[in-house]
Amino acid sequence: MVKHEAEGKMNTFDREVRPTARDAIIKTCIAMDRFSAPPTPTAYTRGAYTRGLAALDGGDLDAAIAEFTAAIADDPKDTFSYIRRGRAYEKKG
């Protein structure tokens, strides 16, 4: 008897709650712009970003950190500069 009652409640949960929760999650992700492609570096920060990449590839980690920091100051929403600066700090130890 208890098992059938529990199964009935679970079926009600599946039918009524899960779709509502799923819809709420989708609406939240859309509102937070989670479904769009990641941004690319802007033309304004490309100079500092490119110099940072060259310094990182050349092993000049201090220069790379400085260039990526300059790119971040120019465009704080440019995620690539944060990622590369973190990589430079990681290599530096």
N, C-alpha and C. Protein backbone atom coordinates (compact mmCIF):
# COMPACT_ATOMS: atom_id res chain seq x y z
N MET A 1 0.83 -1.19 0.00
CA MET A 1 0.00 0.00 0.00
C MET A 1 0.88 1.26 0.00
N VAL A 2 1.90 1.30 0.85
CA VAL A 2 2.76 2.47 0.96
C VAL A 2 3.54 2.67 -0.35
N LYS A 3 4.00 1.55 -0.94
CA LYS A 3 4.76 1.64 -2.17
C LYS A 3 3.93 2.27 -3.28
N HIS A 4 2.68 1.84 -3.42
CA HIS A 4 1.82 2.39 -4.47
C HIS A 4 1.52 3.86 -4.22
N GLU A 5 1.39 4.24 -2.96
CA GLU A 5 1.14 5.64 -2.62
C GLU A 5 2.36 6.50 -2.99
N ALA A 6 3.55 5.97 -2.69
CA ALA A 6 4.77 6.70 -3.01
C ALA A 6 4.94 6.83 -4.53
N GLU A 7 4.64 5.76 -5.26
CA GLU A 7 4.74 5.81 -6.71
C GLU A 7 3.76 6.82 -7.29
N GLY A 8 2.59 6.90 -6.72
CA GLY A 8 1.60 7.88 -7.18
C GLY A 8 2.09 9.30 -6.97
N LYS A 9 2.70 9.54 -5.83
CA LYS A 9 3.23 10.88 -5.55
C LYS A 9 4.39 11.20 -6.50
N MET A 10 5.21 10.21 -6.79
CA MET A 10 6.34 10.44 -7.69
C MET A 10 5.84 10.73 -9.09
N ASN A 11 4.80 10.02 -9.54
CA ASN A 11 4.24 10.28 -10.86
C ASN A 11 3.66 11.70 -10.92
N THR A 12 3.04 12.14 -9.85
CA THR A 12 2.52 13.50 -9.79
C THR A 12 3.68 14.49 -9.86
N PHE A 13 4.75 14.20 -9.15
CA PHE A 13 5.94 15.06 -9.18
C PHE A 13 6.48 15.15 -10.61
N ASP A 14 6.61 14.00 -11.28
CA ASP A 14 7.13 13.98 -12.65
C ASP A 14 6.24 14.78 -13.60
N ARG A 15 4.93 14.66 -13.44
CA ARG A 15 4.00 15.33 -14.34
C ARG A 15 3.86 16.81 -14.06
N GLU A 16 3.88 17.21 -12.80
CA GLU A 16 3.54 18.58 -12.44
C GLU A 16 4.74 19.45 -12.08
N VAL A 17 5.70 18.93 -11.36
CA VAL A 17 6.79 19.76 -10.85
C VAL A 17 7.95 19.83 -11.82
N ARG A 18 8.37 18.72 -12.35
CA ARG A 18 9.56 18.72 -13.22
C ARG A 18 9.43 19.62 -14.43
N PRO A 19 8.33 19.60 -15.18
CA PRO A 19 8.24 20.52 -16.32
C PRO A 19 8.31 21.99 -15.89
N THR A 20 7.69 22.31 -14.78
CA THR A 20 7.72 23.69 -14.27
C THR A 20 9.14 24.08 -13.89
N ALA A 21 9.83 23.19 -13.21
CA ALA A 21 11.22 23.46 -12.82
C ALA A 21 12.10 23.59 -14.05
N ARG A 22 11.91 22.72 -15.02
CA ARG A 22 12.70 22.78 -16.25
C ARG A 22 12.47 24.10 -16.97
N ASP A 23 11.21 24.53 -17.07
CA ASP A 23 10.90 25.80 -17.73
C ASP A 23 11.54 26.97 -16.99
N ALA A 24 11.53 26.92 -15.66
CA ALA A 24 12.14 27.99 -14.87
C ALA A 24 13.65 28.05 -15.10
N ILE A 25 14.29 26.90 -15.19
CA ILE A 25 15.73 26.85 -15.44
C ILE A 25 16.05 27.42 -16.82
N ILE A 26 15.29 27.04 -17.81
CA ILE A 26 15.51 27.53 -19.16
C ILE A 26 15.32 29.04 -19.22
N LYS A 27 14.27 29.55 -18.59
CA LYS A 27 14.03 31.00 -18.58
C LYS A 27 15.16 31.73 -17.88
N THR A 28 15.67 31.16 -16.80
CA THR A 28 16.78 31.79 -16.07
C THR A 28 18.03 31.82 -16.93
N CYS A 29 18.32 30.72 -17.61
CA CYS A 29 19.51 30.67 -18.47
C CYS A 29 19.40 31.65 -19.63
N ILE A 30 18.22 31.78 -20.19
CA ILE A 30 18.02 32.75 -21.27
C ILE A 30 18.20 34.16 -20.74
N ALA A 31 17.65 34.44 -19.56
CA ALA A 31 17.79 35.77 -18.97
C ALA A 31 19.25 36.09 -18.65
N MET A 32 20.02 35.08 -18.27
CA MET A 32 21.42 35.29 -17.94
C MET A 32 22.32 35.21 -19.18
N ASP A 33 21.71 35.01 -20.35
CA ASP A 33 22.43 34.93 -21.60
C ASP A 33 23.44 33.78 -21.60
N ARG A 34 23.03 32.64 -21.06
CA ARG A 34 23.90 31.48 -20.97
C ARG A 34 24.00 30.70 -22.27
N PHE A 35 23.10 30.97 -23.22
CA PHE A 35 23.07 30.18 -24.44
C PHE A 35 23.82 30.83 -25.59
N SER A 36 24.33 32.03 -25.40
CA SER A 36 25.03 32.70 -26.50
C SER A 36 26.49 32.27 -26.53
N ALA A 37 27.12 32.49 -27.66
CA ALA A 37 28.52 32.12 -27.83
C ALA A 37 29.41 33.02 -26.97
N PRO A 38 30.57 32.52 -26.53
CA PRO A 38 31.46 33.37 -25.74
C PRO A 38 31.97 34.53 -26.58
N PRO A 39 32.24 35.65 -25.95
CA PRO A 39 32.70 36.82 -26.70
C PRO A 39 34.12 36.63 -27.22
N THR A 40 34.42 37.32 -28.29
CA THR A 40 35.78 37.31 -28.82
C THR A 40 36.45 38.63 -28.43
N PRO A 41 37.76 38.68 -28.41
CA PRO A 41 38.42 39.93 -28.06
C PRO A 41 38.01 41.05 -29.00
N THR A 42 37.79 42.22 -28.45
CA THR A 42 37.39 43.36 -29.27
C THR A 42 38.60 43.94 -29.98
N ALA A 43 38.36 44.72 -31.02
CA ALA A 43 39.45 45.33 -31.78
C ALA A 43 40.24 46.30 -30.89
N TYR A 44 39.55 46.93 -29.95
CA TYR A 44 40.20 47.89 -29.07
C TYR A 44 41.26 47.24 -28.20
N THR A 45 40.99 46.05 -27.71
CA THR A 45 41.94 45.38 -26.83
C THR A 45 42.86 44.41 -27.57
N ARG A 46 42.65 44.25 -28.84
CA ARG A 46 43.42 43.25 -29.59
C ARG A 46 44.92 43.53 -29.55
N GLY A 47 45.32 44.80 -29.52
CA GLY A 47 46.75 45.12 -29.49
C GLY A 47 47.42 44.60 -28.23
N ALA A 48 46.88 44.95 -27.08
CA ALA A 48 47.45 44.49 -25.81
C ALA A 48 47.31 42.97 -25.69
N TYR A 49 46.18 42.46 -26.13
CA TYR A 49 45.95 41.02 -26.07
C TYR A 49 46.95 40.27 -26.95
N THR A 50 47.17 40.76 -28.17
CA THR A 50 48.10 40.13 -29.09
C THR A 50 49.53 40.19 -28.57
N ARG A 51 49.89 41.35 -28.03
CA ARG A 51 51.23 41.47 -27.43
C ARG A 51 51.38 40.52 -26.24
N GLY A 52 50.32 40.37 -25.47
CA GLY A 52 50.34 39.42 -24.35
C GLY A 52 50.53 37.99 -24.81
N LEU A 53 49.83 37.63 -25.89
CA LEU A 53 49.99 36.28 -26.45
C LEU A 53 51.42 36.04 -26.93
N ALA A 54 51.98 37.05 -27.61
CA ALA A 54 53.35 36.91 -28.10
C ALA A 54 54.33 36.76 -26.93
N ALA A 55 54.12 37.54 -25.89
CA ALA A 55 55.00 37.44 -24.72
C ALA A 55 54.83 36.09 -24.02
N LEU A 56 53.60 35.62 -23.94
CA LEU A 56 53.34 34.32 -23.31
C LEU A 56 53.99 33.19 -24.11
N ASP A 57 53.84 33.25 -25.42
CA ASP A 57 54.46 32.23 -26.28
C ASP A 57 55.98 32.30 -26.22
N GLY A 58 56.53 33.51 -26.04
CA GLY A 58 57.98 33.69 -25.97
C GLY A 58 58.57 33.41 -24.60
N GLY A 59 57.72 33.17 -23.62
CA GLY A 59 58.19 32.84 -22.29
C GLY A 59 58.44 34.05 -21.39
N ASP A 60 58.13 35.25 -21.87
CA ASP A 60 58.28 36.46 -21.05
C ASP A 60 57.00 36.66 -20.25
N LEU A 61 56.92 35.97 -19.13
CA LEU A 61 55.68 35.91 -18.38
C LEU A 61 55.31 37.23 -17.73
N ASP A 62 56.28 37.98 -17.25
CA ASP A 62 55.98 39.27 -16.64
C ASP A 62 55.38 40.24 -17.66
N ALA A 63 55.95 40.26 -18.86
CA ALA A 63 55.41 41.12 -19.91
C ALA A 63 54.01 40.66 -20.31
N ALA A 64 53.80 39.35 -20.38
CA ALA A 64 52.49 38.82 -20.74
C ALA A 64 51.45 39.24 -19.70
N ILE A 65 51.80 39.13 -18.43
CA ILE A 65 50.87 39.53 -17.36
C ILE A 65 50.55 41.01 -17.48
N ALA A 66 51.55 41.84 -17.75
CA ALA A 66 51.33 43.29 -17.88
C ALA A 66 50.43 43.60 -19.08
N GLU A 67 50.64 42.93 -20.20
CA GLU A 67 49.83 43.19 -21.39
C GLU A 67 48.38 42.73 -21.20
N PHE A 68 48.21 41.56 -20.61
CA PHE A 68 46.85 41.09 -20.37
C PHE A 68 46.14 41.97 -19.34
N THR A 69 46.87 42.48 -18.37
CA THR A 69 46.28 43.40 -17.40
C THR A 69 45.85 44.69 -18.10
N ALA A 70 46.65 45.17 -19.04
CA ALA A 70 46.29 46.37 -19.82
C ALA A 70 45.04 46.09 -20.66
N ALA A 71 44.97 44.91 -21.25
CA ALA A 71 43.79 44.55 -22.05
C ALA A 71 42.54 44.48 -21.17
N ILE A 72 42.69 43.97 -19.96
CA ILE A 72 41.56 43.90 -19.02
C ILE A 72 41.12 45.30 -18.62
N ALA A 73 42.08 46.20 -18.40
CA ALA A 73 41.74 47.58 -18.03
C ALA A 73 40.97 48.26 -19.17
N ASP A 74 41.34 47.95 -20.41
CA ASP A 74 40.65 48.53 -21.57
C ASP A 74 39.24 47.97 -21.73
N ASP A 75 39.09 46.68 -21.50
CA ASP A 75 37.78 46.02 -21.67
C ASP A 75 37.61 44.95 -20.60
N PRO A 76 37.02 45.31 -19.45
CA PRO A 76 36.87 44.35 -18.35
C PRO A 76 35.97 43.15 -18.67
N LYS A 77 35.17 43.24 -19.73
CA LYS A 77 34.29 42.12 -20.09
C LYS A 77 34.95 41.12 -21.03
N ASP A 78 36.18 41.39 -21.43
CA ASP A 78 36.91 40.49 -22.34
C ASP A 78 37.46 39.31 -21.54
N THR A 79 36.76 38.19 -21.59
CA THR A 79 37.13 37.03 -20.77
C THR A 79 38.45 36.40 -21.20
N PHE A 80 38.80 36.53 -22.46
CA PHE A 80 40.02 35.89 -22.94
C PHE A 80 41.27 36.46 -22.26
N SER A 81 41.25 37.76 -21.99
CA SER A 81 42.40 38.38 -21.32
C SER A 81 42.57 37.83 -19.91
N TYR A 82 41.47 37.61 -19.20
CA TYR A 82 41.53 37.03 -17.86
C TYR A 82 42.09 35.60 -17.92
N ILE A 83 41.61 34.85 -18.89
CA ILE A 83 42.05 33.45 -19.02
C ILE A 83 43.55 33.38 -19.31
N ARG A 84 44.01 34.19 -20.26
CA ARG A 84 45.43 34.16 -20.62
C ARG A 84 46.31 34.70 -19.50
N ARG A 85 45.83 35.74 -18.80
CA ARG A 85 46.62 36.25 -17.68
C ARG A 85 46.73 35.17 -16.59
N GLY A 86 45.65 34.46 -16.35
CA GLY A 86 45.70 33.35 -15.40
C GLY A 86 46.68 32.28 -15.83
N ARG A 87 46.72 32.01 -17.12
CA ARG A 87 47.67 31.01 -17.65
C ARG A 87 49.11 31.49 -17.44
N ALA A 88 49.35 32.79 -17.61
CA ALA A 88 50.69 33.33 -17.39
C ALA A 88 51.08 33.21 -15.93
N TYR A 89 50.14 33.54 -15.04
CA TYR A 89 50.43 33.38 -13.60
C TYR A 89 50.68 31.92 -13.25
N GLU A 90 49.92 31.02 -13.87
CA GLU A 90 50.08 29.59 -13.62
C GLU A 90 51.48 29.12 -14.06
N LYS A 91 51.92 29.55 -15.24
CA LYS A 91 53.25 29.17 -15.72
C LYS A 91 54.36 29.76 -14.85
N LYS A 92 54.10 30.98 -14.37
CA LYS A 92 55.09 31.65 -13.54
C LYS A 92 55.26 30.94 -12.20
N GLY A 93 54.20 30.36 -11.72
CA GLY A 93 54.27 29.59 -10.47
C GLY A 93 53.97 30.30 -9.23
